[in-house]
Amino acid sequence: MTSIFYVNDIHGRTSNMERITSASKDFDTYTPQNVDKLKFSSGDTMLGKNEKVNIAAHKFLTANNIMASAIGNHELDSNSKKLTDIIKGSAVKFLGFNSQWDEKSSGLEKEVVKSYIQESNGNKYGVIGLMPFDLNRVIKKMPDGLDLQAKEPAFEALQKEVNKLQEQGINKIILVSHTGFETEREIAQKIEGIDVILGGHSHDLIKDVKEGVNLFYSKKTGDPTVITQGGRDGSHFGILNLEFDKDGVITRVQNNVGDTSDFPKN
């Protein structure tokens, strides 16, 4: 069994970070040891140019053992050098599969991972992360040297990346996405082999699992893909419980969305 603790779009709300930390500690305490425990953020943990807030946001991710986070648009509200200074050498992997860099880059590209393999209890998960495709419209200035793939080429590259992971024997694939619910629904229906899309950017609060809403089936294989998103400002967090068969196909899924206000500040 796999249990994923997920957050998105906290937007620098440190008071909610404190409450989510209490929920995260409960997750650590009460999830059985034989369950694969994974923790991810789908971006926009940071907000604005207040360096203390952004440092606190990074410390929140680190303190809660968040394994990886997509880079959202608000991570880039300040300049890329300041973001680099905050996340350099981080235990958290910062993901941006659709990012492209040239020689003018400021060093941020060295901190950005396109995909990686996460292990838990000896089980392997392929993890890929997407930055927002509309980044150039929602930030004041693109970081030096950064360009983003357009959606269709990125989709083609994403399918190849999933295939490459599967060729390595990785049959459980997680996409950590800061692209918005409609794009995430599109990915679920176009890209073969992704099991879970942990979404963000559009601030949708998606409870439960509903066919045709946040659960889709491959037209080729019939394998399911489930999408999550936990609203905005850290008002909610989620715990996605999954069972996979020996081929890495989801056989059972439960999406529990928690209200942050139910938890005390840590």
C-alpha atoms as a PDB file:
ATOM      1  CA  MET A   1       0.000   0.000   0.000  1.00  0.00           C
ATOM      2  CA  THR A   2       1.075   3.580  -0.706  1.00  0.00           C
ATOM      3  CA  SER A   3       0.057   6.721   1.179  1.00  0.00           C
ATOM      4  CA  ILE A   4       0.880  10.148  -0.272  1.00  0.00           C
ATOM      5  CA  PHE A   5       0.710  13.310   1.848  1.00  0.00           C
ATOM      6  CA  TYR A   6       0.299  16.236  -0.541  1.00  0.00           C
ATOM      7  CA  VAL A   7       0.008  20.037  -0.470  1.00  0.00           C
ATOM      8  CA  ASN A   8      -0.122  22.797  -3.078  1.00  0.00           C
ATOM      9  CA  ASP A   9      -0.388  26.577  -3.373  1.00  0.00           C
ATOM     10  CA  ILE A  10       0.275  27.444   0.278  1.00  0.00           C
ATOM     11  CA  HIS A  11       1.327  30.939  -0.887  1.00  0.00           C
ATOM     12  CA  GLY A  12       3.614  31.747   2.018  1.00  0.00           C
ATOM     13  CA  ARG A  13       0.862  31.412   4.658  1.00  0.00           C
ATOM     14  CA  THR A  14       3.112  30.553   7.590  1.00  0.00           C
ATOM     15  CA  SER A  15       0.231  30.097  10.036  1.00  0.00           C
ATOM     16  CA  ASN A  16      -1.176  27.362   7.808  1.00  0.00           C
ATOM     17  CA  MET A  17       2.294  25.882   7.415  1.00  0.00           C
ATOM     18  CA  GLU A  18       2.300  25.463  11.200  1.00  0.00           C
ATOM     19  CA  ARG A  19      -1.042  23.661  11.131  1.00  0.00           C
ATOM     20  CA  ILE A  20      -0.063  21.474   8.181  1.00  0.00           C
ATOM     21  CA  THR A  21       3.063  20.518  10.103  1.00  0.00           C
ATOM     22  CA  SER A  22       0.839  19.142  12.871  1.00  0.00           C
ATOM     23  CA  ALA A  23      -1.146  17.174  10.282  1.00  0.00           C
ATOM     24  CA  SER A  24       2.094  15.927   8.719  1.00  0.00           C
ATOM     25  CA  LYS A  25       3.362  14.697  12.083  1.00  0.00           C
ATOM     26  CA  ASP A  26       0.084  12.835  12.631  1.00  0.00           C
ATOM     27  CA  PHE A  27       0.545  11.265   9.205  1.00  0.00           C
ATOM     28  CA  ASP A  28       4.053  10.150  10.182  1.00  0.00           C
ATOM     29  CA  THR A  29       2.848   8.767  13.505  1.00  0.00           C
ATOM     30  CA  TYR A  30      -0.246   6.884  12.437  1.00  0.00           C
ATOM     31  CA  THR A  31       0.704   5.566   8.988  1.00  0.00           C
ATOM     32  CA  PRO A  32       1.894   1.963   9.441  1.00  0.00           C
ATOM     33  CA  GLN A  33       5.590   1.299   8.806  1.00  0.00           C
ATOM     34  CA  ASN A  34       4.896  -1.247   6.083  1.00  0.00           C
ATOM     35  CA  VAL A  35       3.070   1.390   4.010  1.00  0.00           C
ATOM     36  CA  ASP A  36       5.106   3.376   1.476  1.00  0.00           C
ATOM     37  CA  LYS A  37       4.928   6.940   2.838  1.00  0.00           C
ATOM     38  CA  LEU A  38       5.518   9.680   0.270  1.00  0.00           C
ATOM     39  CA  LYS A  39       5.247  13.460   0.617  1.00  0.00           C
ATOM     40  CA  PHE A  40       5.041  16.013  -2.193  1.00  0.00           C
ATOM     41  CA  SER A  41       4.249  19.672  -2.835  1.00  0.00           C
ATOM     42  CA  SER A  42       2.882  20.876  -6.166  1.00  0.00           C
ATOM     43  CA  GLY A  43       4.463  24.323  -5.950  1.00  0.00           C
ATOM     44  CA  ASP A  44       3.720  27.893  -4.851  1.00  0.00           C
ATOM     45  CA  THR A  45       4.777  27.227  -1.281  1.00  0.00           C
ATOM     46  CA  MET A  46       6.557  30.577  -1.498  1.00  0.00           C
ATOM     47  CA  LEU A  47       5.039  33.969  -2.304  1.00  0.00           C
ATOM     48  CA  GLY A  48       6.359  37.423  -3.100  1.00  0.00           C
ATOM     49  CA  LYS A  49       9.736  39.007  -2.462  1.00  0.00           C
ATOM     50  CA  ASN A  50       9.840  38.731   1.342  1.00  0.00           C
ATOM     51  CA  GLU A  51      12.974  36.648   1.761  1.00  0.00           C
ATOM     52  CA  LYS A  52      12.145  35.629   5.346  1.00  0.00           C
ATOM     53  CA  VAL A  53       8.787  34.215   4.263  1.00  0.00           C
ATOM     54  CA  ASN A  54      10.384  32.295   1.409  1.00  0.00           C
ATOM     55  CA  ILE A  55      13.120  30.917   3.651  1.00  0.00           C
ATOM     56  CA  ALA A  56      10.418  29.856   6.115  1.00  0.00           C
ATOM     57  CA  ALA A  57       8.526  28.153   3.273  1.00  0.00           C
ATOM     58  CA  HIS A  58      11.620  26.176   2.332  1.00  0.00           C
ATOM     59  CA  LYS A  59      12.216  25.240   5.968  1.00  0.00           C
ATOM     60  CA  PHE A  60       8.594  24.083   6.165  1.00  0.00           C
ATOM     61  CA  LEU A  61       9.156  21.725   3.225  1.00  0.00           C
ATOM     62  CA  THR A  62      12.388  20.443   4.737  1.00  0.00           C
ATOM     63  CA  ALA A  63      11.047  20.009   8.275  1.00  0.00           C
ATOM     64  CA  ASN A  64       8.132  17.964   6.996  1.00  0.00           C
ATOM     65  CA  ASN A  65      10.338  15.715   4.852  1.00  0.00           C
ATOM     66  CA  ILE A  66       8.631  16.773   1.635  1.00  0.00           C
ATOM     67  CA  MET A  67      10.510  14.705  -0.908  1.00  0.00           C
ATOM     68  CA  ALA A  68       9.969  16.889  -3.956  1.00  0.00           C
ATOM     69  CA  SER A  69       8.155  20.022  -5.066  1.00  0.00           C
ATOM     70  CA  ALA A  70       7.211  21.419  -8.434  1.00  0.00           C
ATOM     71  CA  ILE A  71       8.493  24.929  -9.047  1.00  0.00           C
ATOM     72  CA  GLY A  72       5.446  27.175  -9.230  1.00  0.00           C
ATOM     73  CA  ASN A  73       5.215  30.722 -10.508  1.00  0.00           C
ATOM     74  CA  HIS A  74       5.408  32.228  -7.016  1.00  0.00           C
ATOM     75  CA  GLU A  75       8.740  30.551  -6.360  1.00  0.00           C
ATOM     76  CA  LEU A  76       9.932  32.982  -9.038  1.00  0.00           C
ATOM     77  CA  ASP A  77       8.344  36.177  -7.656  1.00  0.00           C
ATOM     78  CA  SER A  78      11.804  37.194  -6.501  1.00  0.00           C
ATOM     79  CA  ASN A  79      14.774  36.853  -8.824  1.00  0.00           C
ATOM     80  CA  SER A  80      16.187  33.459  -9.683  1.00  0.00           C
ATOM     81  CA  LYS A  81      19.446  34.089  -7.806  1.00  0.00           C
ATOM     82  CA  LYS A  82      17.569  34.536  -4.521  1.00  0.00           C
ATOM     83  CA  LEU A  83      15.604  31.346  -5.144  1.00  0.00           C
ATOM     84  CA  THR A  84      18.860  29.558  -5.945  1.00  0.00           C
ATOM     85  CA  ASP A  85      20.400  30.807  -2.687  1.00  0.00           C
ATOM     86  CA  ILE A  86      17.422  29.465  -0.699  1.00  0.00           C
ATOM     87  CA  ILE A  87      17.177  26.011  -2.285  1.00  0.00           C
ATOM     88  CA  LYS A  88      20.846  25.320  -3.066  1.00  0.00           C
ATOM     89  CA  GLY A  89      21.786  21.896  -1.754  1.00  0.00           C
ATOM     90  CA  SER A  90      18.237  21.318  -0.514  1.00  0.00           C
ATOM     91  CA  ALA A  91      17.072  17.899   0.674  1.00  0.00           C
ATOM     92  CA  VAL A  92      13.879  18.695  -1.253  1.00  0.00           C
ATOM     93  CA  LYS A  93      14.072  18.024  -4.974  1.00  0.00           C
ATOM     94  CA  PHE A  94      12.689  20.945  -7.020  1.00  0.00           C
ATOM     95  CA  LEU A  95      11.112  19.759 -10.245  1.00  0.00           C
ATOM     96  CA  GLY A  96      10.750  21.368 -13.662  1.00  0.00           C
ATOM     97  CA  PHE A  97      10.645  18.801 -16.459  1.00  0.00           C
ATOM     98  CA  ASN A  98       9.466  21.319 -19.058  1.00  0.00           C
ATOM     99  CA  SER A  99      12.220  23.847 -18.278  1.00  0.00           C
ATOM    100  CA  GLN A 100      14.912  24.607 -20.841  1.00  0.00           C
ATOM    101  CA  TRP A 101      18.061  26.581 -20.042  1.00  0.00           C
ATOM    102  CA  ASP A 102      20.751  28.340 -22.045  1.00  0.00           C
ATOM    103  CA  GLU A 103      24.166  29.815 -21.255  1.00  0.00           C
ATOM    104  CA  LYS A 104      22.602  32.993 -19.799  1.00  0.00           C
ATOM    105  CA  SER A 105      21.135  31.096 -16.849  1.00  0.00           C
ATOM    106  CA  SER A 106      21.955  32.232 -13.330  1.00  0.00           C
ATOM    107  CA  GLY A 107      22.699  28.795 -11.871  1.00  0.00           C
ATOM    108  CA  LEU A 108      19.098  27.925 -10.967  1.00  0.00           C
ATOM    109  CA  GLU A 109      19.128  25.120 -13.534  1.00  0.00           C
ATOM    110  CA  LYS A 110      21.626  23.244 -11.346  1.00  0.00           C
ATOM    111  CA  GLU A 111      18.955  23.024  -8.626  1.00  0.00           C
ATOM    112  CA  VAL A 112      16.134  21.911 -10.957  1.00  0.00           C
ATOM    113  CA  VAL A 113      15.479  18.198 -11.467  1.00  0.00           C
ATOM    114  CA  LYS A 114      13.380  16.988 -14.386  1.00  0.00           C
ATOM    115  CA  SER A 115      12.587  13.565 -12.906  1.00  0.00           C
ATOM    116  CA  TYR A 116      13.981  11.101 -10.401  1.00  0.00           C
ATOM    117  CA  ILE A 117      13.298   7.733  -8.766  1.00  0.00           C
ATOM    118  CA  GLN A 118      11.934   7.749  -5.216  1.00  0.00           C
ATOM    119  CA  GLU A 119      12.285   4.617  -3.097  1.00  0.00           C
ATOM    120  CA  SER A 120      10.197   3.578  -0.091  1.00  0.00           C
ATOM    121  CA  ASN A 121      10.362   0.185   1.605  1.00  0.00           C
ATOM    122  CA  GLY A 122      12.320  -1.073  -1.384  1.00  0.00           C
ATOM    123  CA  ASN A 123       9.603  -0.022  -3.844  1.00  0.00           C
ATOM    124  CA  LYS A 124      10.432   2.432  -6.628  1.00  0.00           C
ATOM    125  CA  TYR A 125       8.368   5.336  -7.938  1.00  0.00           C
ATOM    126  CA  GLY A 126       9.164   7.489 -10.934  1.00  0.00           C
ATOM    127  CA  VAL A 127       8.554  11.150 -10.087  1.00  0.00           C
ATOM    128  CA  ILE A 128       8.307  13.883 -12.724  1.00  0.00           C
ATOM    129  CA  GLY A 129       7.496  17.567 -12.147  1.00  0.00           C
ATOM    130  CA  LEU A 130       5.990  20.262 -14.367  1.00  0.00           C
ATOM    131  CA  MET A 131       6.238  24.044 -14.075  1.00  0.00           C
ATOM    132  CA  PRO A 132       3.285  26.192 -15.255  1.00  0.00           C
ATOM    133  CA  PHE A 133       3.027  26.539 -19.023  1.00  0.00           C
ATOM    134  CA  ASP A 134       1.753  30.114 -18.621  1.00  0.00           C
ATOM    135  CA  LEU A 135       4.753  31.156 -16.533  1.00  0.00           C
ATOM    136  CA  ASN A 136       5.735  34.047 -18.792  1.00  0.00           C
ATOM    137  CA  ARG A 137       2.256  35.571 -18.301  1.00  0.00           C
ATOM    138  CA  VAL A 138       2.037  35.205 -14.525  1.00  0.00           C
ATOM    139  CA  ILE A 139       5.465  36.465 -13.454  1.00  0.00           C
ATOM    140  CA  LYS A 140       6.968  39.896 -14.106  1.00  0.00           C
ATOM    141  CA  LYS A 141      10.266  38.650 -15.536  1.00  0.00           C
ATOM    142  CA  MET A 142      11.377  35.224 -16.676  1.00  0.00           C
ATOM    143  CA  PRO A 143      14.626  34.095 -15.038  1.00  0.00           C
ATOM    144  CA  ASP A 144      17.696  34.635 -17.196  1.00  0.00           C
ATOM    145  CA  GLY A 145      18.279  31.730 -19.528  1.00  0.00           C
ATOM    146  CA  LEU A 146      14.948  30.005 -18.834  1.00  0.00           C
ATOM    147  CA  ASP A 147      12.502  29.021 -21.502  1.00  0.00           C
ATOM    148  CA  LEU A 148       9.627  26.567 -21.194  1.00  0.00           C
ATOM    149  CA  GLN A 149       8.591  23.982 -23.716  1.00  0.00           C
ATOM    150  CA  ALA A 150       5.221  24.626 -25.307  1.00  0.00           C
ATOM    151  CA  LYS A 151       2.492  22.259 -24.222  1.00  0.00           C
ATOM    152  CA  GLU A 152       2.448  19.843 -27.175  1.00  0.00           C
ATOM    153  CA  PRO A 153       6.236  19.316 -27.378  1.00  0.00           C
ATOM    154  CA  ALA A 154       6.278  18.977 -23.589  1.00  0.00           C
ATOM    155  CA  PHE A 155       3.563  16.325 -23.762  1.00  0.00           C
ATOM    156  CA  GLU A 156       5.608  14.382 -26.324  1.00  0.00           C
ATOM    157  CA  ALA A 157       8.711  14.633 -24.136  1.00  0.00           C
ATOM    158  CA  LEU A 158       6.682  13.662 -21.057  1.00  0.00           C
ATOM    159  CA  GLN A 159       5.438  10.485 -22.766  1.00  0.00           C
ATOM    160  CA  LYS A 160       9.029   9.597 -23.680  1.00  0.00           C
ATOM    161  CA  GLU A 161      10.136  10.180 -20.084  1.00  0.00           C
ATOM    162  CA  VAL A 162       7.384   7.922 -18.748  1.00  0.00           C
ATOM    163  CA  ASN A 163       8.380   5.269 -21.289  1.00  0.00           C
ATOM    164  CA  LYS A 164      12.033   5.565 -20.281  1.00  0.00           C
ATOM    165  CA  LEU A 165      11.181   5.077 -16.604  1.00  0.00           C
ATOM    166  CA  GLN A 166       9.044   2.062 -17.448  1.00  0.00           C
ATOM    167  CA  GLU A 167      11.909   0.580 -19.466  1.00  0.00           C
ATOM    168  CA  GLN A 168      13.975   0.790 -16.258  1.00  0.00           C
ATOM    169  CA  GLY A 169      11.358  -1.336 -14.500  1.00  0.00           C
ATOM    170  CA  ILE A 170       9.592   1.592 -12.780  1.00  0.00           C
ATOM    171  CA  ASN A 171       5.866   0.867 -13.095  1.00  0.00           C
ATOM    172  CA  LYS A 172       4.468   3.423 -10.632  1.00  0.00           C
ATOM    173  CA  ILE A 173       4.660   6.970 -12.025  1.00  0.00           C
ATOM    174  CA  ILE A 174       3.759  10.174 -10.163  1.00  0.00           C
ATOM    175  CA  LEU A 175       3.504  13.578 -11.834  1.00  0.00           C
ATOM    176  CA  VAL A 176       3.899  16.574  -9.514  1.00  0.00           C
ATOM    177  CA  SER A 177       2.259  19.351 -11.518  1.00  0.00           C
ATOM    178  CA  HIS A 178       1.850  23.102 -11.241  1.00  0.00           C
ATOM    179  CA  THR A 179      -0.021  23.460 -14.517  1.00  0.00           C
ATOM    180  CA  GLY A 180      -3.689  23.748 -13.463  1.00  0.00           C
ATOM    181  CA  PHE A 181      -6.578  21.299 -13.317  1.00  0.00           C
ATOM    182  CA  GLU A 182      -7.655  21.521 -16.967  1.00  0.00           C
ATOM    183  CA  THR A 183      -4.134  20.810 -18.199  1.00  0.00           C
ATOM    184  CA  GLU A 184      -3.797  18.026 -15.653  1.00  0.00           C
ATOM    185  CA  ARG A 185      -7.041  16.470 -16.921  1.00  0.00           C
ATOM    186  CA  GLU A 186      -5.645  16.729 -20.431  1.00  0.00           C
ATOM    187  CA  ILE A 187      -2.435  14.983 -19.379  1.00  0.00           C
ATOM    188  CA  ALA A 188      -4.410  12.200 -17.691  1.00  0.00           C
ATOM    189  CA  GLN A 189      -6.227  11.497 -20.948  1.00  0.00           C
ATOM    190  CA  LYS A 190      -3.302  11.906 -23.363  1.00  0.00           C
ATOM    191  CA  ILE A 191      -0.228  10.509 -21.616  1.00  0.00           C
ATOM    192  CA  GLU A 192       0.001   6.759 -21.092  1.00  0.00           C
ATOM    193  CA  GLY A 193       1.493   5.313 -17.928  1.00  0.00           C
ATOM    194  CA  ILE A 194       1.026   8.077 -15.342  1.00  0.00           C
ATOM    195  CA  ASP A 195      -0.736   6.734 -12.246  1.00  0.00           C
ATOM    196  CA  VAL A 196      -1.077   9.857 -10.092  1.00  0.00           C
ATOM    197  CA  ILE A 197      -1.120  13.577 -10.899  1.00  0.00           C
ATOM    198  CA  LEU A 198      -0.648  15.754  -7.818  1.00  0.00           C
ATOM    199  CA  GLY A 199      -1.898  19.076  -9.134  1.00  0.00           C
ATOM    200  CA  GLY A 200      -1.718  22.762  -8.408  1.00  0.00           C
ATOM    201  CA  HIS A 201      -1.837  26.314  -9.847  1.00  0.00           C
ATOM    202  CA  SER A 202      -5.601  26.558 -10.513  1.00  0.00           C
ATOM    203  CA  HIS A 203      -6.535  26.339  -6.798  1.00  0.00           C
ATOM    204  CA  ASP A 204      -9.174  23.640  -7.265  1.00  0.00           C
ATOM    205  CA  LEU A 205     -10.286  21.780  -4.161  1.00  0.00           C
ATOM    206  CA  ILE A 206     -10.837  18.222  -5.359  1.00  0.00           C
ATOM    207  CA  LYS A 207     -12.384  15.883  -2.831  1.00  0.00           C
ATOM    208  CA  ASP A 208     -12.873  12.139  -3.189  1.00  0.00           C
ATOM    209  CA  VAL A 209     -12.326  10.303  -6.489  1.00  0.00           C
ATOM    210  CA  LYS A 210     -14.895  10.687  -9.261  1.00  0.00           C
ATOM    211  CA  GLU A 211     -14.819   9.100 -12.709  1.00  0.00           C
ATOM    212  CA  GLY A 212     -14.658  11.701 -15.468  1.00  0.00           C
ATOM    213  CA  VAL A 213     -13.713  14.423 -12.982  1.00  0.00           C
ATOM    214  CA  ASN A 214     -10.403  13.384 -11.426  1.00  0.00           C
ATOM    215  CA  LEU A 215     -10.266   9.730 -12.431  1.00  0.00           C
ATOM    216  CA  PHE A 216      -9.623   8.711 -16.037  1.00  0.00           C
ATOM    217  CA  TYR A 217      -8.882   5.439 -17.780  1.00  0.00           C
ATOM    218  CA  SER A 218      -6.412   4.794 -20.575  1.00  0.00           C
ATOM    219  CA  LYS A 219      -8.115   4.162 -23.908  1.00  0.00           C
ATOM    220  CA  LYS A 220      -5.333   1.692 -24.739  1.00  0.00           C
ATOM    221  CA  THR A 221      -4.931  -0.313 -21.537  1.00  0.00           C
ATOM    222  CA  GLY A 222      -7.819   0.706 -19.281  1.00  0.00           C
ATOM    223  CA  ASP A 223      -5.328   1.635 -16.537  1.00  0.00           C
ATOM    224  CA  PRO A 224      -6.512   4.451 -14.241  1.00  0.00           C
ATOM    225  CA  THR A 225      -4.984   7.867 -13.582  1.00  0.00           C
ATOM    226  CA  VAL A 226      -6.108   9.853 -10.526  1.00  0.00           C
ATOM    227  CA  ILE A 227      -5.707  13.630 -10.079  1.00  0.00           C
ATOM    228  CA  THR A 228      -5.611  15.585  -6.810  1.00  0.00           C
ATOM    229  CA  GLN A 229      -5.535  19.257  -5.829  1.00  0.00           C
ATOM    230  CA  GLY A 230      -5.929  20.825  -2.398  1.00  0.00           C
ATOM    231  CA  GLY A 231      -7.291  24.326  -3.013  1.00  0.00           C
ATOM    232  CA  ARG A 232      -5.234  27.378  -2.090  1.00  0.00           C
ATOM    233  CA  ASP A 233      -3.406  29.180   0.732  1.00  0.00           C
ATOM    234  CA  GLY A 234      -2.777  25.964   2.648  1.00  0.00           C
ATOM    235  CA  SER A 235      -6.410  25.781   3.728  1.00  0.00           C
ATOM    236  CA  HIS A 236      -6.380  22.041   2.985  1.00  0.00           C
ATOM    237  CA  PHE A 237      -3.965  19.142   2.586  1.00  0.00           C
ATOM    238  CA  GLY A 238      -4.524  15.676   1.216  1.00  0.00           C
ATOM    239  CA  ILE A 239      -3.699  12.056   1.891  1.00  0.00           C
ATOM    240  CA  LEU A 240      -4.021   9.804  -1.142  1.00  0.00           C
ATOM    241  CA  ASN A 241      -4.119   6.100  -0.288  1.00  0.00           C
ATOM    242  CA  LEU A 242      -3.384   3.662  -3.096  1.00  0.00           C
ATOM    243  CA  GLU A 243      -3.035  -0.031  -3.730  1.00  0.00           C
ATOM    244  CA  PHE A 244      -1.160  -1.266  -6.815  1.00  0.00           C
ATOM    245  CA  ASP A 245      -1.074  -4.693  -8.407  1.00  0.00           C
ATOM    246  CA  LYS A 246       2.208  -6.391  -9.350  1.00  0.00           C
ATOM    247  CA  ASP A 247       2.237  -4.502 -12.676  1.00  0.00           C
ATOM    248  CA  GLY A 248       1.936  -1.102 -10.976  1.00  0.00           C
ATOM    249  CA  VAL A 249      -1.724  -0.591 -11.861  1.00  0.00           C
ATOM    250  CA  ILE A 250      -3.926   1.106  -9.261  1.00  0.00           C
ATOM    251  CA  THR A 251      -6.516  -1.325  -7.914  1.00  0.00           C
ATOM    252  CA  ARG A 252      -7.866   0.779  -5.027  1.00  0.00           C
ATOM    253  CA  VAL A 253      -7.741   4.502  -4.302  1.00  0.00           C
ATOM    254  CA  GLN A 254      -8.973   6.788  -1.532  1.00  0.00           C
ATOM    255  CA  ASN A 255      -8.511  10.568  -1.544  1.00  0.00           C
ATOM    256  CA  ASN A 256      -8.845  12.128   1.910  1.00  0.00           C
ATOM    257  CA  VAL A 257      -8.781  15.932   1.967  1.00  0.00           C
ATOM    258  CA  GLY A 258      -8.198  17.477   5.388  1.00  0.00           C
ATOM    259  CA  ASP A 259      -9.144  20.929   6.643  1.00  0.00           C
ATOM    260  CA  THR A 260      -6.003  22.650   7.945  1.00  0.00           C
ATOM    261  CA  SER A 261      -8.001  24.633  10.534  1.00  0.00           C
ATOM    262  CA  ASP A 262      -8.762  21.374  12.381  1.00  0.00           C
ATOM    263  CA  PHE A 263      -5.121  21.130  13.449  1.00  0.00           C
ATOM    264  CA  PRO A 264      -3.213  23.166  16.070  1.00  0.00           C
ATOM    265  CA  LYS A 265      -0.262  25.345  15.162  1.00  0.00           C
ATOM    266  CA  ASN A 266       3.051  23.590  15.587  1.00  0.00           C
END
